[in-house]
Amino acid sequence: MATHLTVTSTEAVTPGLRRVWFHSEDLTAFADSVHTDRYVKLVFPKDGVHYPEPLDMRALRRTLPREDLPTVRTYTALFPDVEAGTLAIDFVIHGDEGVAGPWAAAATAGDKLVVSGPGGGYRPDPSADWHLLVGDESALPAITAALADLPAGAAARVVALVDSPAHELALPLPENGEVTYVHRSETDPDKRLEAVVRDMDWLPGRVHAFVHGEAQEVMHGLRPHLLGERGLSRAQVSISGYWRRGRSEDGFRDWKAELARAEGAGGPPRD
């Protein structure tokens, strides 16, 4: 379902993270959205291409050549208020790199954006004894939403990768919550999140984990550690790559599809 959003304001959450606030006349698509990792697909039209209304990406993929299709990027939708018609999206800014980041950096009140969704698959399990949330900047919006969903007395441990201390985000931690920030400027790039998670004090009881970020680091480091060495069941872990270093989102989707086909044909395991 396509939802039309209008920018109302923007704010710099950190030097590399910009929050854009939107209003919509119709946020009913979010009425039944309970997942804290709720995501939407942002649609950026190509210059010079006319798209019929209402925008239907599935129909466009059947009728337009690939080079004329809008650019689509996936982002977490924060704080949706269906009655007020408001929500926010946090954008990681890398200068002029990419599509969505530069759009957000230049966004002003009145700018328009079309999104489809929401989707999602994770919400903190209220019956878990404690919660582990791990990720880089791309996962911080979903981690923020998950922490805000926890009861005040919940136990939570957060491990987050950011560029430097200046990029640390003030998270809504519960009373028994702790965050460990890992800085790219100070660590071995191959041992960032994995090393901290391996060395952390493991709390007693059943954990529910949310682990997302750069695909190589998450899937080839943390995934085997949590599912193999720690012995967590798949029901206890929401774990996947949000992006892959050196690839656009389109290239990342192609890579994930290739990986899925290889696994289905008896290829290399994801772990």
C-alpha atoms as a PDB file:
ATOM      1  CA  MET A   1       0.000   0.000   0.000  1.00  0.00           C
ATOM      2  CA  ALA A   2       1.432   3.378  -1.015  1.00  0.00           C
ATOM      3  CA  THR A   3       1.430   6.118   1.605  1.00  0.00           C
ATOM      4  CA  HIS A   4       2.078   9.767   0.718  1.00  0.00           C
ATOM      5  CA  LEU A   5       4.228  11.650   3.230  1.00  0.00           C
ATOM      6  CA  THR A   6       4.975  15.352   3.595  1.00  0.00           C
ATOM      7  CA  VAL A   7       8.049  16.576   5.451  1.00  0.00           C
ATOM      8  CA  THR A   8       7.210  18.728   8.481  1.00  0.00           C
ATOM      9  CA  SER A   9      10.675  19.144  10.046  1.00  0.00           C
ATOM     10  CA  THR A  10      14.171  17.676  10.270  1.00  0.00           C
ATOM     11  CA  GLU A  11      16.744  17.392  13.040  1.00  0.00           C
ATOM     12  CA  ALA A  12      20.324  16.192  13.413  1.00  0.00           C
ATOM     13  CA  VAL A  13      20.243  13.310  15.915  1.00  0.00           C
ATOM     14  CA  THR A  14      24.011  12.811  15.564  1.00  0.00           C
ATOM     15  CA  PRO A  15      26.538  14.246  13.075  1.00  0.00           C
ATOM     16  CA  GLY A  16      25.799  11.327  10.751  1.00  0.00           C
ATOM     17  CA  LEU A  17      22.123  10.657  11.484  1.00  0.00           C
ATOM     18  CA  ARG A  18      19.294  12.955  10.390  1.00  0.00           C
ATOM     19  CA  ARG A  19      15.722  12.449  11.567  1.00  0.00           C
ATOM     20  CA  VAL A  20      13.003  13.555   9.170  1.00  0.00           C
ATOM     21  CA  TRP A  21       9.480  14.016  10.512  1.00  0.00           C
ATOM     22  CA  PHE A  22       6.512  13.472   8.212  1.00  0.00           C
ATOM     23  CA  HIS A  23       2.767  13.985   8.150  1.00  0.00           C
ATOM     24  CA  SER A  24       0.267  11.960   6.152  1.00  0.00           C
ATOM     25  CA  GLU A  25      -3.452  12.310   5.605  1.00  0.00           C
ATOM     26  CA  ASP A  26      -3.730   8.525   5.793  1.00  0.00           C
ATOM     27  CA  LEU A  27      -1.527   6.301   7.963  1.00  0.00           C
ATOM     28  CA  THR A  28      -4.047   3.463   8.210  1.00  0.00           C
ATOM     29  CA  ALA A  29      -1.463   1.125   6.687  1.00  0.00           C
ATOM     30  CA  PHE A  30       0.269   1.307  10.083  1.00  0.00           C
ATOM     31  CA  ALA A  31      -2.828   0.601  12.168  1.00  0.00           C
ATOM     32  CA  ASP A  32      -1.983  -3.071  12.697  1.00  0.00           C
ATOM     33  CA  SER A  33       1.807  -2.681  12.686  1.00  0.00           C
ATOM     34  CA  VAL A  34       3.188  -4.119  15.928  1.00  0.00           C
ATOM     35  CA  HIS A  35       6.771  -4.916  14.937  1.00  0.00           C
ATOM     36  CA  THR A  36       9.494  -2.654  16.278  1.00  0.00           C
ATOM     37  CA  ASP A  37      11.622  -3.279  13.180  1.00  0.00           C
ATOM     38  CA  ARG A  38       8.788  -1.969  10.994  1.00  0.00           C
ATOM     39  CA  TYR A  39      10.202  -0.879   7.669  1.00  0.00           C
ATOM     40  CA  VAL A  40       8.970   0.959   4.621  1.00  0.00           C
ATOM     41  CA  LYS A  41      10.161   1.137   1.032  1.00  0.00           C
ATOM     42  CA  LEU A  42      10.984   4.706   0.025  1.00  0.00           C
ATOM     43  CA  VAL A  43      10.276   5.456  -3.635  1.00  0.00           C
ATOM     44  CA  PHE A  44      12.443   7.983  -5.481  1.00  0.00           C
ATOM     45  CA  PRO A  45      11.197   8.636  -9.048  1.00  0.00           C
ATOM     46  CA  LYS A  46      13.675   8.842 -11.914  1.00  0.00           C
ATOM     47  CA  ASP A  47      13.956  12.244 -13.561  1.00  0.00           C
ATOM     48  CA  GLY A  48      12.024  12.520 -16.796  1.00  0.00           C
ATOM     49  CA  VAL A  49       9.916   9.369 -16.289  1.00  0.00           C
ATOM     50  CA  HIS A  50       6.138   9.639 -15.862  1.00  0.00           C
ATOM     51  CA  TYR A  51       4.578   7.208 -13.372  1.00  0.00           C
ATOM     52  CA  PRO A  52       0.837   6.511 -13.218  1.00  0.00           C
ATOM     53  CA  GLU A  53      -1.099   7.122 -10.020  1.00  0.00           C
ATOM     54  CA  PRO A  54      -1.641   5.379  -7.710  1.00  0.00           C
ATOM     55  CA  LEU A  55       1.967   4.209  -7.700  1.00  0.00           C
ATOM     56  CA  ASP A  56       2.162   0.420  -7.915  1.00  0.00           C
ATOM     57  CA  MET A  57       5.711  -0.922  -7.965  1.00  0.00           C
ATOM     58  CA  ARG A  58       4.642  -4.437  -8.905  1.00  0.00           C
ATOM     59  CA  ALA A  59       2.775  -3.139 -11.935  1.00  0.00           C
ATOM     60  CA  LEU A  60       5.679  -0.881 -12.885  1.00  0.00           C
ATOM     61  CA  ARG A  61       8.116  -3.807 -12.800  1.00  0.00           C
ATOM     62  CA  ARG A  62       5.917  -5.583 -15.350  1.00  0.00           C
ATOM     63  CA  THR A  63       5.618  -2.621 -17.698  1.00  0.00           C
ATOM     64  CA  LEU A  64       8.791  -0.515 -17.495  1.00  0.00           C
ATOM     65  CA  PRO A  65      12.399  -1.293 -18.359  1.00  0.00           C
ATOM     66  CA  ARG A  66      14.596  -1.654 -15.297  1.00  0.00           C
ATOM     67  CA  GLU A  67      16.477   1.593 -15.949  1.00  0.00           C
ATOM     68  CA  ASP A  68      13.205   3.584 -15.781  1.00  0.00           C
ATOM     69  CA  LEU A  69      11.986   2.109 -12.490  1.00  0.00           C
ATOM     70  CA  PRO A  70      12.015   4.369  -9.425  1.00  0.00           C
ATOM     71  CA  THR A  71      14.893   3.885  -7.005  1.00  0.00           C
ATOM     72  CA  VAL A  72      13.677   2.077  -3.901  1.00  0.00           C
ATOM     73  CA  ARG A  73      15.375   2.179  -0.508  1.00  0.00           C
ATOM     74  CA  THR A  74      14.372   0.435   2.724  1.00  0.00           C
ATOM     75  CA  TYR A  75      14.222   2.319   6.033  1.00  0.00           C
ATOM     76  CA  THR A  76      12.806   1.808   9.519  1.00  0.00           C
ATOM     77  CA  ALA A  77       9.677   3.851  10.288  1.00  0.00           C
ATOM     78  CA  LEU A  78       9.744   5.321  13.791  1.00  0.00           C
ATOM     79  CA  PHE A  79       6.988   6.464  16.154  1.00  0.00           C
ATOM     80  CA  PRO A  80       3.996   6.056  13.796  1.00  0.00           C
ATOM     81  CA  ASP A  81       0.920   7.792  15.208  1.00  0.00           C
ATOM     82  CA  VAL A  82      -2.030   6.774  13.052  1.00  0.00           C
ATOM     83  CA  GLU A  83      -4.457   9.236  14.643  1.00  0.00           C
ATOM     84  CA  ALA A  84      -2.103  12.209  14.357  1.00  0.00           C
ATOM     85  CA  GLY A  85      -0.786  11.066  10.962  1.00  0.00           C
ATOM     86  CA  THR A  86       2.855  11.437  11.942  1.00  0.00           C
ATOM     87  CA  LEU A  87       6.005   9.323  11.792  1.00  0.00           C
ATOM     88  CA  ALA A  88       9.770   9.747  11.558  1.00  0.00           C
ATOM     89  CA  ILE A  89      12.570   8.150   9.575  1.00  0.00           C
ATOM     90  CA  ASP A  90      16.254   8.292  10.526  1.00  0.00           C
ATOM     91  CA  PHE A  91      18.697   8.565   7.618  1.00  0.00           C
ATOM     92  CA  VAL A  92      22.416   7.803   7.782  1.00  0.00           C
ATOM     93  CA  ILE A  93      24.213  10.611   5.962  1.00  0.00           C
ATOM     94  CA  HIS A  94      27.391   9.931   3.945  1.00  0.00           C
ATOM     95  CA  GLY A  95      27.815  13.261   2.195  1.00  0.00           C
ATOM     96  CA  ASP A  96      26.702  13.064  -1.452  1.00  0.00           C
ATOM     97  CA  GLU A  97      26.858   9.263  -1.496  1.00  0.00           C
ATOM     98  CA  GLY A  98      23.698   7.327  -2.279  1.00  0.00           C
ATOM     99  CA  VAL A  99      20.128   8.425  -2.983  1.00  0.00           C
ATOM    100  CA  ALA A 100      18.161   8.567   0.269  1.00  0.00           C
ATOM    101  CA  GLY A 101      20.885  10.180   2.379  1.00  0.00           C
ATOM    102  CA  PRO A 102      21.380  13.232   0.135  1.00  0.00           C
ATOM    103  CA  TRP A 103      17.596  13.568  -0.184  1.00  0.00           C
ATOM    104  CA  ALA A 104      17.231  13.635   3.617  1.00  0.00           C
ATOM    105  CA  ALA A 105      20.155  16.042   4.053  1.00  0.00           C
ATOM    106  CA  ALA A 106      18.454  18.532   1.737  1.00  0.00           C
ATOM    107  CA  ALA A 107      14.846  17.872   2.844  1.00  0.00           C
ATOM    108  CA  THR A 108      12.756  20.845   3.972  1.00  0.00           C
ATOM    109  CA  ALA A 109       9.178  21.273   5.146  1.00  0.00           C
ATOM    110  CA  GLY A 110       6.732  20.579   2.343  1.00  0.00           C
ATOM    111  CA  ASP A 111       8.857  18.048   0.463  1.00  0.00           C
ATOM    112  CA  LYS A 112       6.970  14.929  -0.614  1.00  0.00           C
ATOM    113  CA  LEU A 113       7.824  11.251  -0.429  1.00  0.00           C
ATOM    114  CA  VAL A 114       5.940   8.079  -1.307  1.00  0.00           C
ATOM    115  CA  VAL A 115       6.510   4.918   0.736  1.00  0.00           C
ATOM    116  CA  SER A 116       5.082   1.417   0.629  1.00  0.00           C
ATOM    117  CA  GLY A 117       4.615  -0.886   3.586  1.00  0.00           C
ATOM    118  CA  PRO A 118       5.084  -1.316   6.441  1.00  0.00           C
ATOM    119  CA  GLY A 119       6.671  -4.714   6.890  1.00  0.00           C
ATOM    120  CA  GLY A 120       8.488  -6.203   9.848  1.00  0.00           C
ATOM    121  CA  GLY A 121       9.219  -9.395  11.727  1.00  0.00           C
ATOM    122  CA  TYR A 122      10.568  -8.604  15.201  1.00  0.00           C
ATOM    123  CA  ARG A 123       9.236  -7.326  18.490  1.00  0.00           C
ATOM    124  CA  PRO A 124      10.879  -7.938  21.887  1.00  0.00           C
ATOM    125  CA  ASP A 125       9.453 -11.079  23.472  1.00  0.00           C
ATOM    126  CA  PRO A 126       7.905  -9.992  26.806  1.00  0.00           C
ATOM    127  CA  SER A 127       8.490 -13.466  28.253  1.00  0.00           C
ATOM    128  CA  ALA A 128      12.272 -13.351  27.667  1.00  0.00           C
ATOM    129  CA  ASP A 129      14.511 -12.899  30.700  1.00  0.00           C
ATOM    130  CA  TRP A 130      16.694 -10.374  28.898  1.00  0.00           C
ATOM    131  CA  HIS A 131      17.258  -8.768  25.524  1.00  0.00           C
ATOM    132  CA  LEU A 132      20.381  -8.454  23.381  1.00  0.00           C
ATOM    133  CA  LEU A 133      20.369  -5.783  20.668  1.00  0.00           C
ATOM    134  CA  VAL A 134      23.365  -5.469  18.357  1.00  0.00           C
ATOM    135  CA  GLY A 135      23.933  -3.415  15.230  1.00  0.00           C
ATOM    136  CA  ASP A 136      25.510  -0.496  13.408  1.00  0.00           C
ATOM    137  CA  GLU A 137      23.903   2.829  12.450  1.00  0.00           C
ATOM    138  CA  SER A 138      21.533   1.115  10.022  1.00  0.00           C
ATOM    139  CA  ALA A 139      20.039  -0.878  12.911  1.00  0.00           C
ATOM    140  CA  LEU A 140      19.909   1.909  15.499  1.00  0.00           C
ATOM    141  CA  PRO A 141      16.394   3.082  14.515  1.00  0.00           C
ATOM    142  CA  ALA A 142      14.967  -0.420  15.018  1.00  0.00           C
ATOM    143  CA  ILE A 143      16.965  -0.791  18.243  1.00  0.00           C
ATOM    144  CA  THR A 144      15.543   2.534  19.424  1.00  0.00           C
ATOM    145  CA  ALA A 145      12.002   1.333  18.726  1.00  0.00           C
ATOM    146  CA  ALA A 146      12.637  -1.998  20.467  1.00  0.00           C
ATOM    147  CA  LEU A 147      14.000  -0.318  23.597  1.00  0.00           C
ATOM    148  CA  ALA A 148      11.024   2.036  23.695  1.00  0.00           C
ATOM    149  CA  ASP A 149       8.731  -1.010  23.572  1.00  0.00           C
ATOM    150  CA  LEU A 150      10.327  -2.703  26.609  1.00  0.00           C
ATOM    151  CA  PRO A 151       8.800  -2.367  30.081  1.00  0.00           C
ATOM    152  CA  ALA A 152      10.684  -0.149  32.528  1.00  0.00           C
ATOM    153  CA  GLY A 153      12.151  -3.080  34.466  1.00  0.00           C
ATOM    154  CA  ALA A 154      13.388  -5.091  31.484  1.00  0.00           C
ATOM    155  CA  ALA A 155      17.014  -6.213  31.236  1.00  0.00           C
ATOM    156  CA  ALA A 156      18.671  -5.167  27.978  1.00  0.00           C
ATOM    157  CA  ARG A 157      22.205  -5.111  26.662  1.00  0.00           C
ATOM    158  CA  VAL A 158      22.990  -3.049  23.563  1.00  0.00           C
ATOM    159  CA  VAL A 159      26.183  -3.204  21.489  1.00  0.00           C
ATOM    160  CA  ALA A 160      26.288  -0.541  18.778  1.00  0.00           C
ATOM    161  CA  LEU A 161      28.906   0.329  16.167  1.00  0.00           C
ATOM    162  CA  VAL A 162      29.317   4.012  15.231  1.00  0.00           C
ATOM    163  CA  ASP A 163      32.075   6.156  13.769  1.00  0.00           C
ATOM    164  CA  SER A 164      33.237   7.903  16.946  1.00  0.00           C
ATOM    165  CA  PRO A 165      32.006   9.098  20.375  1.00  0.00           C
ATOM    166  CA  ALA A 166      30.397  12.106  18.677  1.00  0.00           C
ATOM    167  CA  HIS A 167      28.070   9.703  16.819  1.00  0.00           C
ATOM    168  CA  GLU A 168      26.718   7.970  19.915  1.00  0.00           C
ATOM    169  CA  LEU A 169      22.927   8.115  20.133  1.00  0.00           C
ATOM    170  CA  ALA A 170      21.027   8.718  23.385  1.00  0.00           C
ATOM    171  CA  LEU A 171      18.962   5.517  23.545  1.00  0.00           C
ATOM    172  CA  PRO A 172      15.754   5.011  25.599  1.00  0.00           C
ATOM    173  CA  LEU A 173      17.260   2.335  27.861  1.00  0.00           C
ATOM    174  CA  PRO A 174      15.108   0.612  30.497  1.00  0.00           C
ATOM    175  CA  GLU A 175      16.209   0.735  34.143  1.00  0.00           C
ATOM    176  CA  ASN A 176      18.255  -2.456  33.758  1.00  0.00           C
ATOM    177  CA  GLY A 177      19.657  -1.510  30.391  1.00  0.00           C
ATOM    178  CA  GLU A 178      23.259  -0.948  29.347  1.00  0.00           C
ATOM    179  CA  VAL A 179      24.823   0.157  26.070  1.00  0.00           C
ATOM    180  CA  THR A 180      28.354  -0.433  24.827  1.00  0.00           C
ATOM    181  CA  TYR A 181      29.432   1.720  21.915  1.00  0.00           C
ATOM    182  CA  VAL A 182      32.168   0.480  19.591  1.00  0.00           C
ATOM    183  CA  HIS A 183      33.985   3.104  17.508  1.00  0.00           C
ATOM    184  CA  ARG A 184      35.294   2.446  14.013  1.00  0.00           C
ATOM    185  CA  SER A 185      38.106   4.903  14.615  1.00  0.00           C
ATOM    186  CA  GLU A 186      39.488   2.807  17.476  1.00  0.00           C
ATOM    187  CA  THR A 187      38.948  -0.836  16.546  1.00  0.00           C
ATOM    188  CA  ASP A 188      40.112  -3.596  14.237  1.00  0.00           C
ATOM    189  CA  PRO A 189      37.569  -3.402  11.370  1.00  0.00           C
ATOM    190  CA  ASP A 190      37.250  -7.187  11.303  1.00  0.00           C
ATOM    191  CA  LYS A 191      36.529  -7.653  15.023  1.00  0.00           C
ATOM    192  CA  ARG A 192      34.202  -4.837  15.980  1.00  0.00           C
ATOM    193  CA  LEU A 193      30.830  -6.105  17.156  1.00  0.00           C
ATOM    194  CA  GLU A 194      31.716  -9.787  17.283  1.00  0.00           C
ATOM    195  CA  ALA A 195      34.567  -9.294  19.762  1.00  0.00           C
ATOM    196  CA  VAL A 196      32.442  -7.232  22.150  1.00  0.00           C
ATOM    197  CA  VAL A 197      29.548  -9.697  22.072  1.00  0.00           C
ATOM    198  CA  ARG A 198      31.922 -12.624  22.633  1.00  0.00           C
ATOM    199  CA  ASP A 199      33.503 -10.918  25.649  1.00  0.00           C
ATOM    200  CA  MET A 200      30.340  -9.586  27.283  1.00  0.00           C
ATOM    201  CA  ASP A 201      28.903 -10.991  30.517  1.00  0.00           C
ATOM    202  CA  TRP A 202      26.073 -13.301  29.481  1.00  0.00           C
ATOM    203  CA  LEU A 203      23.025 -12.757  31.683  1.00  0.00           C
ATOM    204  CA  PRO A 204      21.169 -15.762  33.144  1.00  0.00           C
ATOM    205  CA  GLY A 205      17.907 -16.988  31.671  1.00  0.00           C
ATOM    206  CA  ARG A 206      16.476 -16.957  28.172  1.00  0.00           C
ATOM    207  CA  VAL A 207      17.632 -14.194  25.856  1.00  0.00           C
ATOM    208  CA  HIS A 208      15.799 -12.715  22.879  1.00  0.00           C
ATOM    209  CA  ALA A 209      18.263 -11.175  20.427  1.00  0.00           C
ATOM    210  CA  PHE A 210      18.017  -8.635  17.614  1.00  0.00           C
ATOM    211  CA  VAL A 211      21.218  -8.505  15.538  1.00  0.00           C
ATOM    212  CA  HIS A 212      21.326  -6.522  12.292  1.00  0.00           C
ATOM    213  CA  GLY A 213      23.779  -4.439  10.302  1.00  0.00           C
ATOM    214  CA  GLU A 214      26.458  -4.962   7.669  1.00  0.00           C
ATOM    215  CA  ALA A 215      25.896  -8.430   6.201  1.00  0.00           C
ATOM    216  CA  GLN A 216      29.411  -9.857   6.295  1.00  0.00           C
ATOM    217  CA  GLU A 217      29.953  -8.906   9.911  1.00  0.00           C
ATOM    218  CA  VAL A 218      26.536 -10.095  11.079  1.00  0.00           C
ATOM    219  CA  MET A 219      26.155 -13.267   9.058  1.00  0.00           C
ATOM    220  CA  HIS A 220      29.734 -14.554   9.106  1.00  0.00           C
ATOM    221  CA  GLY A 221      30.673 -13.462  12.620  1.00  0.00           C
ATOM    222  CA  LEU A 222      27.772 -13.050  14.993  1.00  0.00           C
ATOM    223  CA  ARG A 223      25.366 -15.542  13.439  1.00  0.00           C
ATOM    224  CA  PRO A 224      27.531 -18.650  13.988  1.00  0.00           C
ATOM    225  CA  HIS A 225      28.540 -17.385  17.430  1.00  0.00           C
ATOM    226  CA  LEU A 226      24.953 -16.970  18.642  1.00  0.00           C
ATOM    227  CA  LEU A 227      23.344 -19.956  16.919  1.00  0.00           C
ATOM    228  CA  GLY A 228      26.326 -22.303  17.179  1.00  0.00           C
ATOM    229  CA  GLU A 229      28.549 -21.473  20.110  1.00  0.00           C
ATOM    230  CA  ARG A 230      25.859 -19.946  22.332  1.00  0.00           C
ATOM    231  CA  GLY A 231      23.301 -22.527  21.235  1.00  0.00           C
ATOM    232  CA  LEU A 232      20.415 -20.114  20.753  1.00  0.00           C
ATOM    233  CA  SER A 233      17.418 -21.360  18.803  1.00  0.00           C
ATOM    234  CA  ARG A 234      16.361 -19.533  15.653  1.00  0.00           C
ATOM    235  CA  ALA A 235      13.192 -18.442  17.477  1.00  0.00           C
ATOM    236  CA  GLN A 236      15.406 -16.545  19.941  1.00  0.00           C
ATOM    237  CA  VAL A 237      17.276 -14.553  17.307  1.00  0.00           C
ATOM    238  CA  SER A 238      16.269 -12.004  14.680  1.00  0.00           C
ATOM    239  CA  ILE A 239      19.458 -11.779  12.660  1.00  0.00           C
ATOM    240  CA  SER A 240      20.119 -10.609   9.120  1.00  0.00           C
ATOM    241  CA  GLY A 241      22.164  -8.170   7.102  1.00  0.00           C
ATOM    242  CA  TYR A 242      20.627  -4.784   6.359  1.00  0.00           C
ATOM    243  CA  TRP A 243      23.325  -3.903   3.822  1.00  0.00           C
ATOM    244  CA  ARG A 244      26.643  -5.112   2.445  1.00  0.00           C
ATOM    245  CA  ARG A 245      29.805  -3.067   2.190  1.00  0.00           C
ATOM    246  CA  GLY A 246      30.574  -2.084  -1.411  1.00  0.00           C
ATOM    247  CA  ARG A 247      27.046  -2.707  -2.735  1.00  0.00           C
ATOM    248  CA  SER A 248      24.022  -0.506  -3.274  1.00  0.00           C
ATOM    249  CA  GLU A 249      20.674  -1.753  -1.959  1.00  0.00           C
ATOM    250  CA  ASP A 250      19.843  -3.031  -5.448  1.00  0.00           C
ATOM    251  CA  GLY A 251      23.138  -4.937  -5.558  1.00  0.00           C
ATOM    252  CA  PHE A 252      22.579  -6.203  -2.028  1.00  0.00           C
ATOM    253  CA  ARG A 253      19.170  -7.599  -2.974  1.00  0.00           C
ATOM    254  CA  ASP A 254      20.726  -9.353  -5.971  1.00  0.00           C
ATOM    255  CA  TRP A 255      23.446 -10.803  -3.726  1.00  0.00           C
ATOM    256  CA  LYS A 256      20.885 -12.099  -1.203  1.00  0.00           C
ATOM    257  CA  ALA A 257      18.862 -13.667  -4.023  1.00  0.00           C
ATOM    258  CA  GLU A 258      21.982 -15.354  -5.394  1.00  0.00           C
ATOM    259  CA  LEU A 259      22.815 -16.644  -1.914  1.00  0.00           C
ATOM    260  CA  ALA A 260      19.303 -18.005  -1.440  1.00  0.00           C
ATOM    261  CA  ARG A 261      19.452 -19.795  -4.790  1.00  0.00           C
ATOM    262  CA  ALA A 262      22.837 -21.288  -3.884  1.00  0.00           C
ATOM    263  CA  GLU A 263      21.518 -22.546  -0.565  1.00  0.00           C
ATOM    264  CA  GLY A 264      18.449 -24.013  -2.232  1.00  0.00           C
ATOM    265  CA  ALA A 265      20.748 -25.893  -4.613  1.00  0.00           C
ATOM    266  CA  GLY A 266      22.865 -27.253  -1.798  1.00  0.00           C
ATOM    267  CA  GLY A 267      25.390 -24.431  -1.935  1.00  0.00           C
ATOM    268  CA  PRO A 268      27.345 -22.889   0.907  1.00  0.00           C
ATOM    269  CA  PRO A 269      25.465 -22.528   4.207  1.00  0.00           C
ATOM    270  CA  ARG A 270      24.550 -19.077   5.529  1.00  0.00           C
ATOM    271  CA  ASP A 271      26.471 -19.769   8.732  1.00  0.00           C
END
